[in-house]
Amino acid sequence: RGWKSWNFGLELPQVLEAFEQAEREPKPPPHLLFSDVYLEMPPRLRRQRAELQRHLETYGEHYPLQQFQK
């Protein structure tokens, strides 16, 4: 009912199919979380990026990393 008021004419099945299709696409690499935000990355973000890299190296088998671009 309320879908048509904001979904640009798409029906729920079309919206769900679009989500499913997007979910099948490879995800951007995790390191991109830290880029394109600042012209120069602040030290705290460099530390967080390094921490994420170490975490994924140690515990990567617990994450669906194969779904991400390299």
PDB file of N, CA and C in Angstrom:
ATOM      1  N   ARG A   1       0.825  -1.197   0.000  1.00  0.00           N
ATOM      2  CA  ARG A   1       0.000   0.000   0.000  1.00  0.00           C
ATOM      3  C   ARG A   1       0.863   1.252   0.000  1.00  0.00           C
ATOM      4  N   GLY A   2       1.597   1.476   1.074  1.00  0.00           N
ATOM      5  CA  GLY A   2       2.406   2.665   1.182  1.00  0.00           C
ATOM      6  C   GLY A   2       3.611   2.675   0.256  1.00  0.00           C
ATOM      7  N   TRP A   3       3.936   1.524  -0.320  1.00  0.00           N
ATOM      8  CA  TRP A   3       5.106   1.445  -1.189  1.00  0.00           C
ATOM      9  C   TRP A   3       5.023   2.407  -2.359  1.00  0.00           C
ATOM     10  N   LYS A   4       3.872   2.499  -2.985  1.00  0.00           N
ATOM     11  CA  LYS A   4       3.759   3.314  -4.190  1.00  0.00           C
ATOM     12  C   LYS A   4       3.955   4.792  -3.917  1.00  0.00           C
ATOM     13  N   SER A   5       3.828   5.198  -2.664  1.00  0.00           N
ATOM     14  CA  SER A   5       3.994   6.613  -2.374  1.00  0.00           C
ATOM     15  C   SER A   5       5.451   7.051  -2.437  1.00  0.00           C
ATOM     16  N   TRP A   6       6.409   6.084  -2.364  1.00  0.00           N
ATOM     17  CA  TRP A   6       7.806   6.501  -2.380  1.00  0.00           C
ATOM     18  C   TRP A   6       8.713   5.603  -3.207  1.00  0.00           C
ATOM     19  N   ASN A   7       8.167   4.601  -3.880  1.00  0.00           N
ATOM     20  CA  ASN A   7       9.042   3.659  -4.565  1.00  0.00           C
ATOM     21  C   ASN A   7       9.159   3.909  -6.066  1.00  0.00           C
ATOM     22  N   PHE A   8       8.750   5.050  -6.528  1.00  0.00           N
ATOM     23  CA  PHE A   8       8.908   5.417  -7.931  1.00  0.00           C
ATOM     24  C   PHE A   8       8.234   4.423  -8.868  1.00  0.00           C
ATOM     25  N   GLY A   9       7.104   3.870  -8.446  1.00  0.00           N
ATOM     26  CA  GLY A   9       6.334   2.984  -9.292  1.00  0.00           C
ATOM     27  C   GLY A   9       6.764   1.534  -9.265  1.00  0.00           C
ATOM     28  N   LEU A  10       7.758   1.191  -8.483  1.00  0.00           N
ATOM     29  CA  LEU A  10       8.208  -0.200  -8.404  1.00  0.00           C
ATOM     30  C   LEU A  10       7.342  -0.974  -7.424  1.00  0.00           C
ATOM     31  N   GLU A  11       7.058  -2.208  -7.776  1.00  0.00           N
ATOM     32  CA  GLU A  11       6.313  -3.087  -6.887  1.00  0.00           C
ATOM     33  C   GLU A  11       7.293  -3.817  -5.982  1.00  0.00           C
ATOM     34  N   LEU A  12       6.815  -4.339  -4.874  1.00  0.00           N
ATOM     35  CA  LEU A  12       7.666  -5.020  -3.911  1.00  0.00           C
ATOM     36  C   LEU A  12       8.500  -6.129  -4.548  1.00  0.00           C
ATOM     37  N   PRO A  13       7.950  -6.983  -5.397  1.00  0.00           N
ATOM     38  CA  PRO A  13       8.799  -8.023  -6.001  1.00  0.00           C
ATOM     39  C   PRO A  13       9.958  -7.441  -6.813  1.00  0.00           C
ATOM     40  N   GLN A  14       9.745  -6.323  -7.481  1.00  0.00           N
ATOM     41  CA  GLN A  14      10.822  -5.690  -8.240  1.00  0.00           C
ATOM     42  C   GLN A  14      11.899  -5.155  -7.297  1.00  0.00           C
ATOM     43  N   VAL A  15      11.474  -4.578  -6.199  1.00  0.00           N
ATOM     44  CA  VAL A  15      12.424  -4.048  -5.225  1.00  0.00           C
ATOM     45  C   VAL A  15      13.244  -5.187  -4.626  1.00  0.00           C
ATOM     46  N   LEU A  16      12.583  -6.278  -4.260  1.00  0.00           N
ATOM     47  CA  LEU A  16      13.285  -7.420  -3.679  1.00  0.00           C
ATOM     48  C   LEU A  16      14.256  -8.032  -4.681  1.00  0.00           C
ATOM     49  N   GLU A  17      13.867  -8.122  -5.943  1.00  0.00           N
ATOM     50  CA  GLU A  17      14.759  -8.649  -6.981  1.00  0.00           C
ATOM     51  C   GLU A  17      15.977  -7.746  -7.143  1.00  0.00           C
ATOM     52  N   ALA A  18      15.779  -6.447  -7.093  1.00  0.00           N
ATOM     53  CA  ALA A  18      16.903  -5.518  -7.204  1.00  0.00           C
ATOM     54  C   ALA A  18      17.867  -5.705  -6.028  1.00  0.00           C
ATOM     55  N   PHE A  19      17.339  -5.903  -4.822  1.00  0.00           N
ATOM     56  CA  PHE A  19      18.189  -6.160  -3.665  1.00  0.00           C
ATOM     57  C   PHE A  19      18.957  -7.466  -3.844  1.00  0.00           C
ATOM     58  N   GLU A  20      18.266  -8.513  -4.285  1.00  0.00           N
ATOM     59  CA  GLU A  20      18.916  -9.806  -4.483  1.00  0.00           C
ATOM     60  C   GLU A  20      20.018  -9.706  -5.523  1.00  0.00           C
ATOM     61  N   GLN A  21      19.753  -8.990  -6.597  1.00  0.00           N
ATOM     62  CA  GLN A  21      20.760  -8.821  -7.642  1.00  0.00           C
ATOM     63  C   GLN A  21      21.972  -8.070  -7.098  1.00  0.00           C
ATOM     64  N   ALA A  22      21.738  -7.020  -6.339  1.00  0.00           N
ATOM     65  CA  ALA A  22      22.840  -6.250  -5.761  1.00  0.00           C
ATOM     66  C   ALA A  22      23.644  -7.098  -4.782  1.00  0.00           C
ATOM     67  N   GLU A  23      22.980  -7.962  -4.030  1.00  0.00           N
ATOM     68  CA  GLU A  23      23.671  -8.819  -3.073  1.00  0.00           C
ATOM     69  C   GLU A  23      24.575  -9.837  -3.763  1.00  0.00           C
ATOM     70  N   ARG A  24      24.288 -10.181  -5.011  1.00  0.00           N
ATOM     71  CA  ARG A  24      25.120 -11.132  -5.751  1.00  0.00           C
ATOM     72  C   ARG A  24      26.391 -10.488  -6.292  1.00  0.00           C
ATOM     73  N   GLU A  25      26.423  -9.177  -6.351  1.00  0.00           N
ATOM     74  CA  GLU A  25      27.598  -8.472  -6.856  1.00  0.00           C
ATOM     75  C   GLU A  25      28.710  -8.508  -5.810  1.00  0.00           C
ATOM     76  N   PRO A  26      29.970  -8.550  -6.249  1.00  0.00           N
ATOM     77  CA  PRO A  26      31.070  -8.489  -5.270  1.00  0.00           C
ATOM     78  C   PRO A  26      31.036  -7.170  -4.494  1.00  0.00           C
ATOM     79  N   LYS A  27      31.319  -7.271  -3.221  1.00  0.00           N
ATOM     80  CA  LYS A  27      31.335  -6.084  -2.367  1.00  0.00           C
ATOM     81  C   LYS A  27      32.660  -5.343  -2.559  1.00  0.00           C
ATOM     82  N   PRO A  28      32.682  -4.046  -2.311  1.00  0.00           N
ATOM     83  CA  PRO A  28      33.954  -3.316  -2.386  1.00  0.00           C
ATOM     84  C   PRO A  28      34.928  -3.850  -1.331  1.00  0.00           C
ATOM     85  N   PRO A  29      36.217  -3.754  -1.598  1.00  0.00           N
ATOM     86  CA  PRO A  29      37.189  -4.243  -0.611  1.00  0.00           C
ATOM     87  C   PRO A  29      37.077  -3.469   0.706  1.00  0.00           C
ATOM     88  N   PRO A  30      37.272  -4.170   1.831  1.00  0.00           N
ATOM     89  CA  PRO A  30      37.121  -3.517   3.134  1.00  0.00           C
ATOM     90  C   PRO A  30      38.000  -2.282   3.323  1.00  0.00           C
ATOM     91  N   HIS A  31      39.185  -2.248   2.718  1.00  0.00           N
ATOM     92  CA  HIS A  31      40.057  -1.090   2.935  1.00  0.00           C
ATOM     93  C   HIS A  31      39.459   0.202   2.376  1.00  0.00           C
ATOM     94  N   LEU A  32      38.463   0.096   1.496  1.00  0.00           N
ATOM     95  CA  LEU A  32      37.837   1.302   0.959  1.00  0.00           C
ATOM     96  C   LEU A  32      36.981   2.032   1.992  1.00  0.00           C
ATOM     97  N   LEU A  33      36.727   1.377   3.124  1.00  0.00           N
ATOM     98  CA  LEU A  33      36.013   2.069   4.203  1.00  0.00           C
ATOM     99  C   LEU A  33      36.763   3.320   4.647  1.00  0.00           C
ATOM    100  N   PHE A  34      38.070   3.329   4.397  1.00  0.00           N
ATOM    101  CA  PHE A  34      38.922   4.383   4.927  1.00  0.00           C
ATOM    102  C   PHE A  34      39.355   5.401   3.879  1.00  0.00           C
ATOM    103  N   SER A  35      38.974   5.201   2.647  1.00  0.00           N
ATOM    104  CA  SER A  35      39.402   6.129   1.604  1.00  0.00           C
ATOM    105  C   SER A  35      38.231   7.010   1.157  1.00  0.00           C
ATOM    106  N   ASP A  36      38.529   7.996   0.386  1.00  0.00           N
ATOM    107  CA  ASP A  36      37.525   8.903  -0.167  1.00  0.00           C
ATOM    108  C   ASP A  36      36.758   9.681   0.894  1.00  0.00           C
ATOM    109  N   VAL A  37      37.327   9.834   2.068  1.00  0.00           N
ATOM    110  CA  VAL A  37      36.675  10.608   3.118  1.00  0.00           C
ATOM    111  C   VAL A  37      37.445  11.897   3.366  1.00  0.00           C
ATOM    112  N   TYR A  38      38.747  11.747   3.514  1.00  0.00           N
ATOM    113  CA  TYR A  38      39.619  12.893   3.775  1.00  0.00           C
ATOM    114  C   TYR A  38      40.641  13.003   2.646  1.00  0.00           C
ATOM    115  N   LEU A  39      41.064  14.207   2.364  1.00  0.00           N
ATOM    116  CA  LEU A  39      42.134  14.399   1.400  1.00  0.00           C
ATOM    117  C   LEU A  39      43.401  13.709   1.906  1.00  0.00           C
ATOM    118  N   GLU A  40      43.685  13.897   3.197  1.00  0.00           N
ATOM    119  CA  GLU A  40      44.800  13.198   3.840  1.00  0.00           C
ATOM    120  C   GLU A  40      44.234  12.445   5.038  1.00  0.00           C
ATOM    121  N   MET A  41      44.485  11.138   5.095  1.00  0.00           N
ATOM    122  CA  MET A  41      43.921  10.311   6.144  1.00  0.00           C
ATOM    123  C   MET A  41      44.531  10.662   7.500  1.00  0.00           C
ATOM    124  N   PRO A  42      43.677  10.961   8.489  1.00  0.00           N
ATOM    125  CA  PRO A  42      44.183  11.274   9.830  1.00  0.00           C
ATOM    126  C   PRO A  42      44.854  10.044  10.462  1.00  0.00           C
ATOM    127  N   PRO A  43      45.760  10.281  11.391  1.00  0.00           N
ATOM    128  CA  PRO A  43      46.454   9.160  12.051  1.00  0.00           C
ATOM    129  C   PRO A  43      45.503   8.140  12.676  1.00  0.00           C
ATOM    130  N   ARG A  44      44.428   8.606  13.274  1.00  0.00           N
ATOM    131  CA  ARG A  44      43.499   7.657  13.918  1.00  0.00           C
ATOM    132  C   ARG A  44      42.890   6.704  12.905  1.00  0.00           C
ATOM    133  N   LEU A  45      42.596   7.186  11.695  1.00  0.00           N
ATOM    134  CA  LEU A  45      42.047   6.301  10.672  1.00  0.00           C
ATOM    135  C   LEU A  45      43.112   5.355  10.128  1.00  0.00           C
ATOM    136  N   ARG A  46      44.342   5.822  10.022  1.00  0.00           N
ATOM    137  CA  ARG A  46      45.423   4.923   9.603  1.00  0.00           C
ATOM    138  C   ARG A  46      45.583   3.796  10.611  1.00  0.00           C
ATOM    139  N   ARG A  47      45.473   4.121  11.891  1.00  0.00           N
ATOM    140  CA  ARG A  47      45.558   3.088  12.931  1.00  0.00           C
ATOM    141  C   ARG A  47      44.391   2.113  12.827  1.00  0.00           C
ATOM    142  N   GLN A  48      43.193   2.647  12.623  1.00  0.00           N
ATOM    143  CA  GLN A  48      42.017   1.779  12.509  1.00  0.00           C
ATOM    144  C   GLN A  48      42.122   0.875  11.284  1.00  0.00           C
ATOM    145  N   ARG A  49      42.637   1.415  10.182  1.00  0.00           N
ATOM    146  CA  ARG A  49      42.801   0.605   8.977  1.00  0.00           C
ATOM    147  C   ARG A  49      43.803  -0.517   9.239  1.00  0.00           C
ATOM    148  N   ALA A  50      44.888  -0.215   9.907  1.00  0.00           N
ATOM    149  CA  ALA A  50      45.888  -1.233  10.244  1.00  0.00           C
ATOM    150  C   ALA A  50      45.293  -2.282  11.185  1.00  0.00           C
ATOM    151  N   GLU A  51      44.502  -1.838  12.149  1.00  0.00           N
ATOM    152  CA  GLU A  51      43.852  -2.778  13.062  1.00  0.00           C
ATOM    153  C   GLU A  51      42.909  -3.702  12.313  1.00  0.00           C
ATOM    154  N   LEU A  52      42.136  -3.156  11.387  1.00  0.00           N
ATOM    155  CA  LEU A  52      41.229  -3.983  10.592  1.00  0.00           C
ATOM    156  C   LEU A  52      42.019  -4.999   9.780  1.00  0.00           C
ATOM    157  N   GLN A  53      43.100  -4.571   9.159  1.00  0.00           N
ATOM    158  CA  GLN A  53      43.914  -5.480   8.366  1.00  0.00           C
ATOM    159  C   GLN A  53      44.452  -6.620   9.236  1.00  0.00           C
ATOM    160  N   ARG A  54      44.987  -6.295  10.414  1.00  0.00           N
ATOM    161  CA  ARG A  54      45.487  -7.329  11.326  1.00  0.00           C
ATOM    162  C   ARG A  54      44.361  -8.263  11.771  1.00  0.00           C
ATOM    163  N   HIS A  55      43.213  -7.692  12.068  1.00  0.00           N
ATOM    164  CA  HIS A  55      42.067  -8.498  12.498  1.00  0.00           C
ATOM    165  C   HIS A  55      41.656  -9.478  11.407  1.00  0.00           C
ATOM    166  N   LEU A  56      41.574  -8.986  10.174  1.00  0.00           N
ATOM    167  CA  LEU A  56      41.172  -9.862   9.074  1.00  0.00           C
ATOM    168  C   LEU A  56      42.225 -10.914   8.770  1.00  0.00           C
ATOM    169  N   GLU A  57      43.483 -10.571   8.937  1.00  0.00           N
ATOM    170  CA  GLU A  57      44.545 -11.564   8.748  1.00  0.00           C
ATOM    171  C   GLU A  57      44.447 -12.667   9.798  1.00  0.00           C
ATOM    172  N   THR A  58      44.073 -12.290  11.019  1.00  0.00           N
ATOM    173  CA  THR A  58      43.994 -13.252  12.112  1.00  0.00           C
ATOM    174  C   THR A  58      42.686 -14.042  12.086  1.00  0.00           C
ATOM    175  N   TYR A  59      41.574 -13.353  11.852  1.00  0.00           N
ATOM    176  CA  TYR A  59      40.256 -13.974  11.978  1.00  0.00           C
ATOM    177  C   TYR A  59      39.479 -14.009  10.666  1.00  0.00           C
ATOM    178  N   GLY A  60      40.159 -13.828   9.563  1.00  0.00           N
ATOM    179  CA  GLY A  60      39.490 -13.741   8.270  1.00  0.00           C
ATOM    180  C   GLY A  60      38.612 -14.929   7.926  1.00  0.00           C
ATOM    181  N   GLU A  61      38.944 -16.120   8.448  1.00  0.00           N
ATOM    182  CA  GLU A  61      38.130 -17.303   8.127  1.00  0.00           C
ATOM    183  C   GLU A  61      36.720 -17.201   8.693  1.00  0.00           C
ATOM    184  N   HIS A  62      36.491 -16.256   9.597  1.00  0.00           N
ATOM    185  CA  HIS A  62      35.169 -16.080  10.194  1.00  0.00           C
ATOM    186  C   HIS A  62      34.305 -15.070   9.434  1.00  0.00           C
ATOM    187  N   TYR A  63      34.834 -14.540   8.354  1.00  0.00           N
ATOM    188  CA  TYR A  63      34.130 -13.527   7.569  1.00  0.00           C
ATOM    189  C   TYR A  63      34.007 -14.008   6.124  1.00  0.00           C
ATOM    190  N   PRO A  64      32.945 -13.611   5.437  1.00  0.00           N
ATOM    191  CA  PRO A  64      32.774 -14.022   4.028  1.00  0.00           C
ATOM    192  C   PRO A  64      33.631 -13.166   3.086  1.00  0.00           C
ATOM    193  N   LEU A  65      34.937 -13.192   3.272  1.00  0.00           N
ATOM    194  CA  LEU A  65      35.823 -12.318   2.497  1.00  0.00           C
ATOM    195  C   LEU A  65      35.829 -12.645   1.008  1.00  0.00           C
ATOM    196  N   GLN A  66      35.433 -13.864   0.656  1.00  0.00           N
ATOM    197  CA  GLN A  66      35.379 -14.237  -0.753  1.00  0.00           C
ATOM    198  C   GLN A  66      34.310 -13.428  -1.495  1.00  0.00           C
ATOM    199  N   GLN A  67      33.407 -12.795  -0.771  1.00  0.00           N
ATOM    200  CA  GLN A  67      32.364 -11.969  -1.386  1.00  0.00           C
ATOM    201  C   GLN A  67      32.840 -10.558  -1.686  1.00  0.00           C
ATOM    202  N   PHE A  68      34.074 -10.251  -1.309  1.00  0.00           N
ATOM    203  CA  PHE A  68      34.601  -8.901  -1.494  1.00  0.00           C
ATOM    204  C   PHE A  68      35.618  -8.881  -2.624  1.00  0.00           C
ATOM    205  N   GLN A  69      35.668  -7.757  -3.318  1.00  0.00           N
ATOM    206  CA  GLN A  69      36.675  -7.582  -4.333  1.00  0.00           C
ATOM    207  C   GLN A  69      38.038  -7.527  -3.680  1.00  0.00           C
ATOM    208  N   LYS A  70      39.048  -7.916  -4.419  1.00  0.00           N
ATOM    209  CA  LYS A  70      40.424  -7.865  -3.889  1.00  0.00           C
ATOM    210  C   LYS A  70      41.002  -6.499  -4.079  1.00  0.00           C
TER     211      LYS A  70
END
